[in-house]
C-alpha cells in the first residue's frame, strides 16, 4: 500500500523560510503529477503549486516568486521551498501525488502545519 508522508512544517518568523517534503512509500509503483495545497480553518483547500511528470510547474499568484516546487523521482518525493513567508501563509499544507500501481490513484499526505508569526 502506498502512503505519503509529509515533514518540514513548524513555526517561523515573517520573512523566514521553510522547506516541506512529501515522500511516497511502498513498492512497485510509479509517480505522476505532484502538488501542494493549503487550507485555513473554515476555508476551502487551495492549490499552492504543482509539478507535472515533465517538470512543468505552476503557482498560485499569492506565492509566485516566493515558493518553489520541485521533485526527485528517484526518491518519489516532492518539495516545497517557501521563502519570504508572511502571516497570511499560515495554514495546514497538504501534498497530493498521482501514483500508478495496477491502477491510477490520487493520494494525499497527512498535512503539516505552517505558522508564520513573530
N, C-alpha and C. Protein backbone atom coordinates (compact mmCIF):
# COMPACT_ATOMS: atom_id res chain seq x y z
N UNK A 1 0.85 -1.19 0.00
CA UNK A 1 0.00 0.00 0.00
C UNK A 1 0.89 1.24 0.00
N UNK A 2 0.58 2.19 -0.85
CA UNK A 2 1.38 3.40 -0.97
C UNK A 2 0.82 4.46 -0.04
N UNK A 3 1.72 5.13 0.66
CA UNK A 3 1.32 6.23 1.54
C UNK A 3 2.24 7.41 1.30
N UNK A 4 1.72 8.61 1.60
CA UNK A 4 2.51 9.83 1.52
C UNK A 4 2.80 10.32 2.94
N UNK A 5 4.05 10.69 3.18
CA UNK A 5 4.44 11.18 4.48
C UNK A 5 5.07 12.56 4.31
N UNK A 6 4.48 13.54 4.99
CA UNK A 6 4.96 14.91 4.91
C UNK A 6 5.83 15.24 6.11
N UNK A 7 6.74 16.20 5.90
CA UNK A 7 7.54 16.72 7.00
C UNK A 7 7.97 18.14 6.68
N UNK A 8 8.42 18.86 7.72
CA UNK A 8 9.03 20.16 7.49
C UNK A 8 8.24 21.36 7.97
N UNK A 9 7.02 21.17 8.45
CA UNK A 9 6.26 22.32 8.93
C UNK A 9 6.80 22.82 10.26
N UNK A 10 6.23 23.93 10.72
CA UNK A 10 6.65 24.47 12.00
C UNK A 10 6.35 25.94 12.12
N UNK A 11 6.97 26.56 13.11
CA UNK A 11 6.80 27.98 13.38
C UNK A 11 7.99 28.75 12.82
N UNK A 12 7.69 29.82 12.12
CA UNK A 12 8.75 30.65 11.54
C UNK A 12 8.34 32.11 11.64
N UNK A 13 9.31 32.99 11.75
CA UNK A 13 9.01 34.42 11.81
C UNK A 13 8.75 34.97 10.41
N UNK A 14 8.01 36.06 10.32
CA UNK A 14 7.79 36.69 9.00
C UNK A 14 9.13 36.99 8.32
N UNK A 15 9.18 36.68 7.02
CA UNK A 15 10.40 36.85 6.26
C UNK A 15 11.28 35.62 6.25
N UNK A 16 10.94 34.62 7.05
CA UNK A 16 11.73 33.41 7.14
C UNK A 16 11.41 32.40 6.06
N UNK A 17 12.06 31.25 6.16
CA UNK A 17 11.92 30.20 5.15
C UNK A 17 11.66 28.84 5.80
N UNK A 18 10.99 27.99 5.07
CA UNK A 18 10.78 26.59 5.45
C UNK A 18 10.79 25.76 4.18
N UNK A 19 11.17 24.49 4.34
CA UNK A 19 11.06 23.55 3.23
C UNK A 19 10.23 22.37 3.65
N UNK A 20 9.17 22.12 2.90
CA UNK A 20 8.31 20.96 3.14
C UNK A 20 8.73 19.82 2.22
N UNK A 21 8.60 18.60 2.74
CA UNK A 21 8.88 17.41 1.96
C UNK A 21 7.69 16.47 2.00
N UNK A 22 7.52 15.71 0.94
CA UNK A 22 6.44 14.72 0.88
C UNK A 22 6.98 13.52 0.12
N UNK A 23 7.09 12.40 0.82
CA UNK A 23 7.66 11.20 0.23
C UNK A 23 6.63 10.10 0.13
N UNK A 24 6.63 9.40 -0.99
CA UNK A 24 5.74 8.25 -1.17
C UNK A 24 6.48 6.98 -0.77
N UNK A 25 5.85 6.19 0.06
CA UNK A 25 6.46 4.93 0.50
C UNK A 25 5.64 3.76 -0.01
N UNK A 26 6.28 2.64 -0.19
CA UNK A 26 5.62 1.45 -0.73
C UNK A 26 6.53 0.82 -1.76
N UNK A 27 5.96 -0.02 -2.58
CA UNK A 27 6.79 -0.69 -3.59
C UNK A 27 6.02 -0.84 -4.89
N UNK A 28 6.78 -0.96 -5.95
CA UNK A 28 6.23 -1.28 -7.27
C UNK A 28 5.16 -0.28 -7.71
N UNK A 29 5.54 0.98 -7.75
CA UNK A 29 4.61 1.97 -8.27
C UNK A 29 5.37 3.09 -8.95
N UNK A 30 4.66 3.80 -9.83
CA UNK A 30 5.22 4.98 -10.45
C UNK A 30 4.52 6.21 -9.94
N UNK A 31 5.12 7.36 -10.16
CA UNK A 31 4.52 8.61 -9.70
C UNK A 31 4.34 9.55 -10.88
N UNK A 32 3.25 10.31 -10.84
CA UNK A 32 2.98 11.28 -11.87
C UNK A 32 3.03 12.68 -11.31
N UNK A 33 1.98 13.46 -11.57
CA UNK A 33 1.96 14.84 -11.10
C UNK A 33 1.96 14.90 -9.58
N UNK A 34 2.57 15.98 -9.07
CA UNK A 34 2.63 16.21 -7.63
C UNK A 34 2.20 17.64 -7.36
N UNK A 35 1.65 17.88 -6.19
CA UNK A 35 1.21 19.23 -5.88
C UNK A 35 1.16 19.49 -4.40
N UNK A 36 1.13 20.79 -4.07
CA UNK A 36 0.97 21.22 -2.69
C UNK A 36 -0.26 22.11 -2.59
N UNK A 37 -1.06 21.89 -1.56
CA UNK A 37 -2.27 22.64 -1.29
C UNK A 37 -2.18 23.15 0.14
N UNK A 38 -3.01 24.15 0.45
CA UNK A 38 -3.08 24.61 1.84
C UNK A 38 -4.52 24.93 2.19
N UNK A 39 -4.78 24.86 3.49
CA UNK A 39 -6.15 25.07 3.96
C UNK A 39 -6.13 25.83 5.27
N UNK A 40 -6.92 26.89 5.34
CA UNK A 40 -7.12 27.63 6.57
C UNK A 40 -8.42 27.16 7.20
N UNK A 41 -8.56 27.30 8.52
CA UNK A 41 -9.79 26.86 9.18
C UNK A 41 -11.02 27.49 8.55
N UNK A 42 -11.99 26.65 8.23
CA UNK A 42 -13.24 27.14 7.69
C UNK A 42 -13.19 27.54 6.23
N UNK A 43 -12.05 27.28 5.58
CA UNK A 43 -11.92 27.67 4.18
C UNK A 43 -11.67 26.44 3.32
N UNK A 44 -11.85 26.64 2.01
CA UNK A 44 -11.59 25.57 1.05
C UNK A 44 -10.08 25.34 0.92
N UNK A 45 -9.74 24.10 0.62
CA UNK A 45 -8.34 23.80 0.33
C UNK A 45 -8.00 24.43 -1.03
N UNK A 46 -6.84 25.10 -1.08
CA UNK A 46 -6.47 25.79 -2.32
C UNK A 46 -5.12 25.28 -2.83
N UNK A 47 -4.99 25.30 -4.15
CA UNK A 47 -3.73 24.87 -4.76
C UNK A 47 -2.67 25.93 -4.55
N UNK A 48 -1.50 25.50 -4.11
CA UNK A 48 -0.36 26.40 -3.94
C UNK A 48 0.58 26.29 -5.12
N UNK A 49 0.93 25.05 -5.48
CA UNK A 49 1.86 24.82 -6.58
C UNK A 49 1.73 23.37 -7.03
N UNK A 50 2.02 23.13 -8.32
CA UNK A 50 2.07 21.76 -8.78
C UNK A 50 3.17 21.58 -9.81
N UNK A 51 3.53 20.33 -10.04
CA UNK A 51 4.61 20.00 -10.97
C UNK A 51 4.23 18.71 -11.67
N UNK A 52 4.33 18.72 -12.99
CA UNK A 52 3.97 17.55 -13.77
C UNK A 52 5.12 16.56 -13.82
N UNK A 53 4.85 15.40 -14.41
CA UNK A 53 5.91 14.42 -14.60
C UNK A 53 7.00 14.93 -15.53
N UNK A 54 6.64 15.91 -16.36
CA UNK A 54 7.61 16.53 -17.26
C UNK A 54 8.26 17.76 -16.68
N UNK A 55 8.07 17.98 -15.37
CA UNK A 55 8.71 19.07 -14.63
C UNK A 55 8.16 20.44 -14.96
N UNK A 56 6.97 20.51 -15.54
CA UNK A 56 6.34 21.81 -15.72
C UNK A 56 5.68 22.22 -14.40
N UNK A 57 5.86 23.47 -14.01
CA UNK A 57 5.35 23.94 -12.73
C UNK A 57 4.33 25.05 -12.91
N UNK A 58 3.45 25.19 -11.93
CA UNK A 58 2.54 26.32 -11.88
C UNK A 58 2.35 26.70 -10.42
N UNK A 59 2.02 27.98 -10.19
CA UNK A 59 1.92 28.52 -8.85
C UNK A 59 0.69 29.40 -8.71
N UNK A 60 0.15 29.43 -7.48
CA UNK A 60 -0.86 30.42 -7.16
C UNK A 60 -0.22 31.80 -7.21
N UNK A 61 -0.99 32.80 -7.63
CA UNK A 61 -0.44 34.15 -7.74
C UNK A 61 0.14 34.64 -6.41
N UNK A 62 -0.47 34.22 -5.31
CA UNK A 62 -0.06 34.71 -4.00
C UNK A 62 1.32 34.22 -3.57
N UNK A 63 1.84 33.19 -4.23
CA UNK A 63 3.13 32.64 -3.82
C UNK A 63 4.20 32.74 -4.91
N UNK A 64 3.83 33.22 -6.08
CA UNK A 64 4.80 33.32 -7.18
C UNK A 64 5.99 34.18 -6.76
N UNK A 65 7.18 33.68 -7.09
CA UNK A 65 8.40 34.40 -6.74
C UNK A 65 8.89 34.14 -5.33
N UNK A 66 8.07 33.48 -4.50
CA UNK A 66 8.48 33.19 -3.11
C UNK A 66 8.61 31.69 -2.86
N UNK A 67 7.74 30.90 -3.48
CA UNK A 67 7.73 29.45 -3.27
C UNK A 67 8.26 28.75 -4.52
N UNK A 68 8.92 27.61 -4.30
CA UNK A 68 9.41 26.80 -5.41
C UNK A 68 9.08 25.33 -5.15
N UNK A 69 8.41 24.72 -6.12
CA UNK A 69 8.12 23.30 -6.03
C UNK A 69 9.15 22.53 -6.85
N UNK A 70 9.54 21.37 -6.35
CA UNK A 70 10.47 20.53 -7.08
C UNK A 70 10.14 19.07 -6.80
N UNK A 71 10.81 18.18 -7.53
CA UNK A 71 10.57 16.77 -7.34
C UNK A 71 11.86 15.98 -7.57
N UNK A 72 11.95 14.85 -6.89
CA UNK A 72 13.04 13.91 -7.08
C UNK A 72 12.40 12.56 -7.35
N UNK A 73 12.38 12.16 -8.60
CA UNK A 73 11.68 10.92 -8.96
C UNK A 73 12.36 9.70 -8.36
N UNK A 74 13.68 9.75 -8.21
CA UNK A 74 14.38 8.59 -7.66
C UNK A 74 13.98 8.34 -6.21
N UNK A 75 13.58 9.41 -5.52
CA UNK A 75 13.14 9.28 -4.13
C UNK A 75 11.63 9.33 -4.00
N UNK A 76 10.94 9.53 -5.13
CA UNK A 76 9.47 9.63 -5.13
C UNK A 76 9.04 10.67 -4.11
N UNK A 77 9.66 11.84 -4.22
CA UNK A 77 9.48 12.90 -3.23
C UNK A 77 9.26 14.23 -3.94
N UNK A 78 8.41 15.06 -3.35
CA UNK A 78 8.25 16.42 -3.80
C UNK A 78 8.59 17.36 -2.66
N UNK A 79 9.09 18.55 -3.01
CA UNK A 79 9.50 19.54 -2.03
C UNK A 79 8.79 20.85 -2.33
N UNK A 80 8.58 21.63 -1.27
CA UNK A 80 8.08 23.00 -1.43
C UNK A 80 8.99 23.91 -0.62
N UNK A 81 9.82 24.66 -1.31
CA UNK A 81 10.68 25.64 -0.66
C UNK A 81 9.90 26.94 -0.54
N UNK A 82 9.75 27.42 0.69
CA UNK A 82 8.95 28.60 0.95
C UNK A 82 9.84 29.68 1.54
N UNK A 83 9.99 30.77 0.81
CA UNK A 83 10.81 31.90 1.25
C UNK A 83 9.93 33.13 1.48
N UNK A 84 10.47 34.09 2.18
CA UNK A 84 9.75 35.35 2.46
C UNK A 84 8.34 35.07 2.99
N UNK A 85 8.27 34.19 3.93
CA UNK A 85 6.97 33.80 4.46
C UNK A 85 6.29 34.96 5.19
N UNK A 86 4.98 35.02 5.06
CA UNK A 86 4.17 36.07 5.66
C UNK A 86 3.08 35.44 6.52
N UNK A 87 2.52 36.18 7.46
CA UNK A 87 1.47 35.62 8.32
C UNK A 87 0.30 35.01 7.53
N UNK A 88 0.00 35.57 6.38
CA UNK A 88 -1.12 35.03 5.58
C UNK A 88 -0.79 33.68 4.94
N UNK A 89 0.46 33.24 5.04
CA UNK A 89 0.82 31.90 4.58
C UNK A 89 0.54 30.83 5.63
N UNK A 90 0.15 31.25 6.82
CA UNK A 90 -0.17 30.31 7.88
C UNK A 90 -1.34 29.42 7.47
N UNK A 91 -1.13 28.11 7.52
CA UNK A 91 -2.15 27.15 7.09
C UNK A 91 -1.63 25.74 7.32
N UNK A 92 -2.52 24.77 7.13
CA UNK A 92 -2.08 23.37 7.04
C UNK A 92 -1.80 23.09 5.57
N UNK A 93 -0.62 22.58 5.31
CA UNK A 93 -0.19 22.29 3.95
C UNK A 93 -0.28 20.79 3.69
N UNK A 94 -0.88 20.45 2.55
CA UNK A 94 -1.06 19.06 2.15
C UNK A 94 -0.39 18.81 0.81
N UNK A 95 0.25 17.67 0.67
CA UNK A 95 0.76 17.29 -0.65
C UNK A 95 -0.23 16.31 -1.28
N UNK A 96 -0.21 16.31 -2.60
CA UNK A 96 -1.02 15.35 -3.36
C UNK A 96 -0.13 14.77 -4.45
N UNK A 97 -0.30 13.48 -4.69
CA UNK A 97 0.55 12.81 -5.66
C UNK A 97 -0.27 11.80 -6.45
N UNK A 98 -0.04 11.77 -7.76
CA UNK A 98 -0.65 10.72 -8.59
C UNK A 98 0.29 9.52 -8.55
N UNK A 99 -0.26 8.40 -8.14
CA UNK A 99 0.51 7.16 -8.00
C UNK A 99 -0.12 6.11 -8.90
N UNK A 100 0.73 5.37 -9.60
CA UNK A 100 0.23 4.34 -10.50
C UNK A 100 0.75 2.99 -10.04
N UNK A 101 -0.18 2.13 -9.63
CA UNK A 101 0.17 0.74 -9.31
C UNK A 101 -0.49 -0.11 -10.38
N UNK A 102 -1.46 -0.90 -10.02
CA UNK A 102 -2.28 -1.59 -11.01
C UNK A 102 -3.38 -0.66 -11.50
N UNK A 103 -3.51 0.48 -10.82
CA UNK A 103 -4.47 1.49 -11.26
C UNK A 103 -3.92 2.86 -10.86
N UNK A 104 -4.57 3.90 -11.33
CA UNK A 104 -4.14 5.27 -11.03
C UNK A 104 -4.84 5.76 -9.78
N UNK A 105 -4.05 6.26 -8.83
CA UNK A 105 -4.60 6.77 -7.57
C UNK A 105 -4.14 8.19 -7.33
N UNK A 106 -4.98 8.99 -6.68
CA UNK A 106 -4.57 10.31 -6.20
C UNK A 106 -4.53 10.24 -4.68
N UNK A 107 -3.34 10.39 -4.14
CA UNK A 107 -3.15 10.25 -2.70
C UNK A 107 -2.83 11.60 -2.07
N UNK A 108 -3.25 11.74 -0.82
CA UNK A 108 -2.97 12.96 -0.05
C UNK A 108 -2.07 12.63 1.14
N UNK A 109 -1.20 13.58 1.46
CA UNK A 109 -0.44 13.48 2.69
C UNK A 109 -1.31 13.82 3.88
N UNK A 110 -0.72 13.67 5.08
CA UNK A 110 -1.49 13.85 6.31
C UNK A 110 -1.64 15.32 6.70
N UNK A 111 -0.89 16.19 6.05
CA UNK A 111 -0.94 17.61 6.37
C UNK A 111 0.12 18.00 7.37
N UNK A 112 0.69 19.19 7.20
CA UNK A 112 1.67 19.70 8.14
C UNK A 112 1.38 21.19 8.36
N UNK A 113 1.42 21.61 9.61
CA UNK A 113 1.05 22.98 9.97
C UNK A 113 2.24 23.91 9.80
N UNK A 114 2.01 25.00 9.08
CA UNK A 114 2.99 26.07 8.96
C UNK A 114 2.40 27.31 9.62
N UNK A 115 3.12 27.82 10.60
CA UNK A 115 2.68 29.02 11.32
C UNK A 115 3.73 30.10 11.14
N UNK A 116 3.31 31.25 10.61
CA UNK A 116 4.20 32.38 10.41
C UNK A 116 3.78 33.48 11.38
N UNK A 117 4.62 33.71 12.37
CA UNK A 117 4.27 34.66 13.43
C UNK A 117 5.53 35.15 14.12
N UNK A 118 5.46 36.38 14.57
CA UNK A 118 6.58 36.93 15.35
C UNK A 118 6.33 36.73 16.84
